[in-house]
C-alpha atoms as a PDB file:
ATOM      1  CA  MET A   1     -43.655 -43.900 -53.774  1.00  0.00           C
ATOM      2  CA  LYS A   2     -42.839 -40.696 -55.624  1.00  0.00           C
ATOM      3  CA  ARG A   3     -45.230 -38.771 -53.403  1.00  0.00           C
ATOM      4  CA  LYS A   4     -43.501 -40.119 -50.281  1.00  0.00           C
ATOM      5  CA  HIS A   5     -40.120 -38.829 -51.558  1.00  0.00           C
ATOM      6  CA  ILE A   6     -41.592 -35.385 -52.235  1.00  0.00           C
ATOM      7  CA  VAL A   7     -43.008 -35.209 -48.699  1.00  0.00           C
ATOM      8  CA  ILE A   8     -39.658 -36.286 -47.225  1.00  0.00           C
ATOM      9  CA  ILE A   9     -37.763 -33.725 -49.311  1.00  0.00           C
ATOM     10  CA  ALA A  10     -40.224 -30.947 -48.472  1.00  0.00           C
ATOM     11  CA  THR A  11     -40.070 -31.783 -44.767  1.00  0.00           C
ATOM     12  CA  SER A  12     -36.273 -31.920 -44.843  1.00  0.00           C
ATOM     13  CA  LEU A  13     -36.053 -28.547 -46.600  1.00  0.00           C
ATOM     14  CA  THR A  14     -38.469 -26.986 -44.136  1.00  0.00           C
ATOM     15  CA  LEU A  15     -36.448 -28.265 -41.173  1.00  0.00           C
ATOM     16  CA  PHE A  16     -33.203 -27.135 -42.801  1.00  0.00           C
ATOM     17  CA  PHE A  17     -34.463 -23.586 -43.402  1.00  0.00           C
ATOM     18  CA  ALA A  18     -35.988 -23.383 -39.918  1.00  0.00           C
ATOM     19  CA  ALA A  19     -32.655 -24.439 -38.379  1.00  0.00           C
ATOM     20  CA  ALA A  20     -30.716 -22.007 -40.589  1.00  0.00           C
ATOM     21  CA  ALA A  21     -33.032 -19.129 -39.619  1.00  0.00           C
ATOM     22  CA  THR A  22     -32.669 -19.968 -35.919  1.00  0.00           C
ATOM     23  CA  ILE A  23     -28.882 -20.083 -36.180  1.00  0.00           C
ATOM     24  CA  ALA A  24     -28.819 -16.798 -38.121  1.00  0.00           C
ATOM     25  CA  LEU A  25     -30.796 -15.137 -35.334  1.00  0.00           C
ATOM     26  CA  LEU A  26     -28.621 -16.567 -32.564  1.00  0.00           C
ATOM     27  CA  ILE A  27     -25.158 -15.914 -33.993  1.00  0.00           C
ATOM     28  CA  PRO A  28     -25.151 -12.102 -33.522  1.00  0.00           C
ATOM     29  CA  SER A  29     -26.127 -12.434 -29.874  1.00  0.00           C
ATOM     30  CA  LEU A  30     -23.550 -15.153 -29.304  1.00  0.00           C
ATOM     31  CA  THR A  31     -20.721 -13.191 -30.900  1.00  0.00           C
ATOM     32  CA  SER A  32     -21.617  -9.697 -29.687  1.00  0.00           C
ATOM     33  CA  LYS A  33     -19.592  -8.384 -26.786  1.00  0.00           C
ATOM     34  CA  GLN A  34     -22.260  -5.793 -25.957  1.00  0.00           C
ATOM     35  CA  PHE A  35     -24.283  -6.022 -22.774  1.00  0.00           C
ATOM     36  CA  ARG A  36     -26.652  -3.963 -20.665  1.00  0.00           C
ATOM     37  CA  LEU A  37     -25.792  -2.517 -17.305  1.00  0.00           C
ATOM     38  CA  GLU A  38     -28.182  -3.102 -14.441  1.00  0.00           C
ATOM     39  CA  ASP A  39     -31.313  -0.970 -15.023  1.00  0.00           C
ATOM     40  CA  GLU A  40     -30.609   1.333 -12.063  1.00  0.00           C
ATOM     41  CA  TYR A  41     -27.428   2.613 -13.739  1.00  0.00           C
ATOM     42  CA  TYR A  42     -29.190   4.225 -16.708  1.00  0.00           C
ATOM     43  CA  GLY A  43     -30.771   7.651 -16.993  1.00  0.00           C
ATOM     44  CA  GLU A  44     -28.395  10.143 -15.416  1.00  0.00           C
ATOM     45  CA  SER A  45     -24.687  10.757 -15.125  1.00  0.00           C
ATOM     46  CA  GLU A  46     -23.537  10.287 -11.574  1.00  0.00           C
ATOM     47  CA  SER A  47     -20.591   8.718  -9.790  1.00  0.00           C
ATOM     48  CA  MET A  48     -20.764   6.895  -6.484  1.00  0.00           C
ATOM     49  CA  LEU A  49     -17.784   6.160  -4.257  1.00  0.00           C
ATOM     50  CA  ILE A  50     -17.445   2.533  -3.156  1.00  0.00           C
ATOM     51  CA  ASP A  51     -14.860   0.589  -1.187  1.00  0.00           C
ATOM     52  CA  LYS A  52     -13.345  -2.829  -1.914  1.00  0.00           C
ATOM     53  CA  ASP A  53     -16.016  -4.627   0.134  1.00  0.00           C
ATOM     54  CA  GLU A  54     -18.832  -3.038  -1.867  1.00  0.00           C
ATOM     55  CA  TYR A  55     -16.992  -3.838  -5.095  1.00  0.00           C
ATOM     56  CA  GLU A  56     -16.621  -7.486  -4.073  1.00  0.00           C
ATOM     57  CA  ARG A  57     -20.317  -7.633  -3.118  1.00  0.00           C
ATOM     58  CA  LEU A  58     -21.302  -6.380  -6.589  1.00  0.00           C
ATOM     59  CA  ILE A  59     -18.995  -8.963  -8.158  1.00  0.00           C
ATOM     60  CA  SER A  60     -20.399 -11.800  -6.044  1.00  0.00           C
ATOM     61  CA  GLU A  61     -23.949 -10.746  -6.981  1.00  0.00           C
ATOM     62  CA  LYS A  62     -22.930 -10.953 -10.671  1.00  0.00           C
ATOM     63  CA  LYS A  63     -23.850  -7.316 -11.366  1.00  0.00           C
ATOM     64  CA  SER A  64     -23.063  -5.457 -14.603  1.00  0.00           C
ATOM     65  CA  PHE A  65     -21.616  -1.984 -14.008  1.00  0.00           C
ATOM     66  CA  ILE A  66     -18.807   0.464 -14.744  1.00  0.00           C
ATOM     67  CA  VAL A  67     -16.129   1.378 -12.224  1.00  0.00           C
ATOM     68  CA  MET A  68     -13.469   4.062 -12.401  1.00  0.00           C
ATOM     69  CA  ILE A  69     -10.303   3.364 -10.470  1.00  0.00           C
ATOM     70  CA  ASP A  70      -8.544   6.515  -9.394  1.00  0.00           C
ATOM     71  CA  LYS A  71      -6.423   8.410  -6.953  1.00  0.00           C
ATOM     72  CA  PRO A  72      -7.768  11.551  -5.297  1.00  0.00           C
ATOM     73  CA  GLY A  73      -5.961  14.630  -6.540  1.00  0.00           C
ATOM     74  CA  CYS A  74      -4.787  13.022  -9.789  1.00  0.00           C
ATOM     75  CA  LEU A  75      -5.154  15.453 -12.709  1.00  0.00           C
ATOM     76  CA  LYS A  76      -5.806  12.688 -15.273  1.00  0.00           C
ATOM     77  CA  THR A  77      -8.498  11.238 -12.982  1.00  0.00           C
ATOM     78  CA  ALA A  78     -10.218  14.621 -12.802  1.00  0.00           C
ATOM     79  CA  GLU A  79     -10.113  14.942 -16.602  1.00  0.00           C
ATOM     80  CA  MET A  80     -11.597  11.469 -17.060  1.00  0.00           C
ATOM     81  CA  SER A  81     -14.365  12.179 -14.534  1.00  0.00           C
ATOM     82  CA  VAL A  82     -15.318  15.312 -16.463  1.00  0.00           C
ATOM     83  CA  SER A  83     -15.233  13.325 -19.694  1.00  0.00           C
ATOM     84  CA  LEU A  84     -17.454  10.523 -18.298  1.00  0.00           C
ATOM     85  CA  SER A  85     -19.919  13.050 -16.909  1.00  0.00           C
ATOM     86  CA  GLY A  86     -20.078  14.945 -20.209  1.00  0.00           C
ATOM     87  CA  PHE A  87     -21.355  12.132 -22.412  1.00  0.00           C
ATOM     88  CA  PRO A  88     -24.372  12.816 -24.659  1.00  0.00           C
ATOM     89  CA  ASP A  89     -27.899  12.460 -23.277  1.00  0.00           C
ATOM     90  CA  ASP A  90     -28.359   9.044 -24.873  1.00  0.00           C
ATOM     91  CA  MET A  91     -25.302   7.766 -22.945  1.00  0.00           C
ATOM     92  CA  GLN A  92     -26.097   8.890 -19.423  1.00  0.00           C
ATOM     93  CA  PHE A  93     -25.129   6.302 -16.807  1.00  0.00           C
ATOM     94  CA  LYS A  94     -24.132   5.974 -13.189  1.00  0.00           C
ATOM     95  CA  TYR A  95     -20.741   4.546 -12.411  1.00  0.00           C
ATOM     96  CA  TYR A  96     -18.640   3.779  -9.384  1.00  0.00           C
ATOM     97  CA  HIS A  97     -15.377   5.288  -8.149  1.00  0.00           C
ATOM     98  CA  LEU A  98     -13.009   2.935  -6.403  1.00  0.00           C
ATOM     99  CA  TYR A  99      -9.873   4.475  -4.956  1.00  0.00           C
ATOM    100  CA  TRP A 100      -6.601   2.866  -6.005  1.00  0.00           C
ATOM    101  CA  ASP A 101      -5.671   1.886  -2.437  1.00  0.00           C
ATOM    102  CA  GLU A 102      -8.924  -0.070  -2.190  1.00  0.00           C
ATOM    103  CA  ALA A 103      -8.638  -1.507  -5.709  1.00  0.00           C
ATOM    104  CA  LYS A 104      -5.196  -2.937  -4.937  1.00  0.00           C
ATOM    105  CA  GLU A 105      -6.785  -4.994  -2.148  1.00  0.00           C
ATOM    106  CA  SER A 106      -9.633  -6.298  -4.330  1.00  0.00           C
ATOM    107  CA  SER A 107      -9.961  -8.941  -7.030  1.00  0.00           C
ATOM    108  CA  LEU A 108      -9.962  -6.114  -9.595  1.00  0.00           C
ATOM    109  CA  HIS A 109      -6.209  -5.771  -9.103  1.00  0.00           C
ATOM    110  CA  GLU A 110      -5.739  -9.081 -10.957  1.00  0.00           C
ATOM    111  CA  LYS A 111      -6.561  -7.106 -14.133  1.00  0.00           C
ATOM    112  CA  VAL A 112      -6.107  -3.399 -13.430  1.00  0.00           C
ATOM    113  CA  LYS A 113      -2.495  -2.610 -12.573  1.00  0.00           C
ATOM    114  CA  TYR A 114      -2.382   1.152 -13.192  1.00  0.00           C
ATOM    115  CA  THR A 115      -4.497   4.153 -12.401  1.00  0.00           C
ATOM    116  CA  PRO A 116      -6.553   5.889 -13.555  1.00  0.00           C
ATOM    117  CA  SER A 117      -8.613   3.222 -15.244  1.00  0.00           C
ATOM    118  CA  VAL A 118     -12.161   2.407 -16.166  1.00  0.00           C
ATOM    119  CA  ALA A 119     -13.318  -1.205 -15.928  1.00  0.00           C
ATOM    120  CA  LEU A 120     -16.414  -2.652 -17.559  1.00  0.00           C
ATOM    121  CA  ILE A 121     -18.007  -5.434 -15.557  1.00  0.00           C
ATOM    122  CA  HIS A 122     -20.555  -7.854 -17.012  1.00  0.00           C
ATOM    123  CA  GLU A 123     -22.294 -10.269 -14.677  1.00  0.00           C
ATOM    124  CA  GLY A 124     -19.470 -10.053 -12.163  1.00  0.00           C
ATOM    125  CA  GLU A 125     -16.652 -10.495 -14.706  1.00  0.00           C
ATOM    126  CA  VAL A 126     -14.221  -7.786 -15.846  1.00  0.00           C
ATOM    127  CA  VAL A 127     -14.634  -7.790 -19.640  1.00  0.00           C
ATOM    128  CA  ASP A 128     -12.313  -4.899 -20.459  1.00  0.00           C
ATOM    129  CA  TRP A 129     -10.460  -2.038 -18.803  1.00  0.00           C
ATOM    130  CA  LEU A 130      -8.269   0.880 -19.687  1.00  0.00           C
ATOM    131  CA  ASP A 131      -4.581   0.347 -19.151  1.00  0.00           C
ATOM    132  CA  ALA A 132      -2.858   3.627 -18.287  1.00  0.00           C
ATOM    133  CA  ASP A 133       0.455   2.040 -19.274  1.00  0.00           C
ATOM    134  CA  ALA A 134      -0.660   0.836 -22.738  1.00  0.00           C
ATOM    135  CA  LYS A 135      -0.005   2.909 -25.878  1.00  0.00           C
ATOM    136  CA  GLU A 136      -3.166   1.589 -27.556  1.00  0.00           C
ATOM    137  CA  ASP A 137      -5.332   2.963 -24.725  1.00  0.00           C
ATOM    138  CA  GLU A 138      -3.703   6.415 -24.759  1.00  0.00           C
ATOM    139  CA  PRO A 139      -6.324   7.974 -27.093  1.00  0.00           C
ATOM    140  CA  LEU A 140      -9.083   6.886 -24.701  1.00  0.00           C
ATOM    141  CA  TYR A 141      -7.499   8.977 -21.963  1.00  0.00           C
ATOM    142  CA  ASN A 142      -7.135  12.073 -24.134  1.00  0.00           C
ATOM    143  CA  ASP A 143     -10.230  12.097 -26.344  1.00  0.00           C
ATOM    144  CA  SER A 144     -13.744  12.062 -24.919  1.00  0.00           C
ATOM    145  CA  LYS A 145     -15.190  10.826 -28.236  1.00  0.00           C
ATOM    146  CA  ALA A 146     -12.750   7.875 -28.302  1.00  0.00           C
ATOM    147  CA  LEU A 147     -13.748   7.016 -24.718  1.00  0.00           C
ATOM    148  CA  GLN A 148     -17.437   7.183 -25.686  1.00  0.00           C
ATOM    149  CA  ASP A 149     -16.827   4.904 -28.675  1.00  0.00           C
ATOM    150  CA  TRP A 150     -14.978   2.395 -26.494  1.00  0.00           C
ATOM    151  CA  ILE A 151     -17.818   2.291 -23.970  1.00  0.00           C
ATOM    152  CA  ARG A 152     -20.390   1.936 -26.787  1.00  0.00           C
ATOM    153  CA  GLU A 153     -18.465  -1.102 -28.057  1.00  0.00           C
ATOM    154  CA  TYR A 154     -19.546  -2.869 -24.876  1.00  0.00           C
ATOM    155  CA  ILE A 155     -22.509  -1.128 -23.273  1.00  0.00           C
ATOM    156  CA  LEU A 156     -25.980  -1.105 -24.804  1.00  0.00           C
ATOM    157  CA  PHE A 157     -27.808   2.180 -24.316  1.00  0.00           C
END
């Protein structure tokens, strides 16, 4: 009888530790907000102009990508483009430009109300964006390092 209790206790402890180890491995991935872009977006810094129809296609296909919403001729837009293109080698990525007039007619306008902005899309969902009207986002518009850090919070390189 004593031997049976030892086997039950040993089996219970083994199952407990196996479950605890599995949970410990899963929790970081469940709580992390980081994600990978689609593979074709890594490797070089380049921007590609899209329209609202192309944006909606990417959303419907559940793609993960970065899009900059801007107005042609806007000084702040030009500064942000230079900043995005000047990231370190280990952060080179392709991103889309969507003009504000097109963005206002897309589903993106539910979130992004001001331009310029950068939106991070994961599997067709907008997970975060820069708000040109928000004080807390102001440093991201004026400091390339702050913008890099914000993107690294979300994007795995």
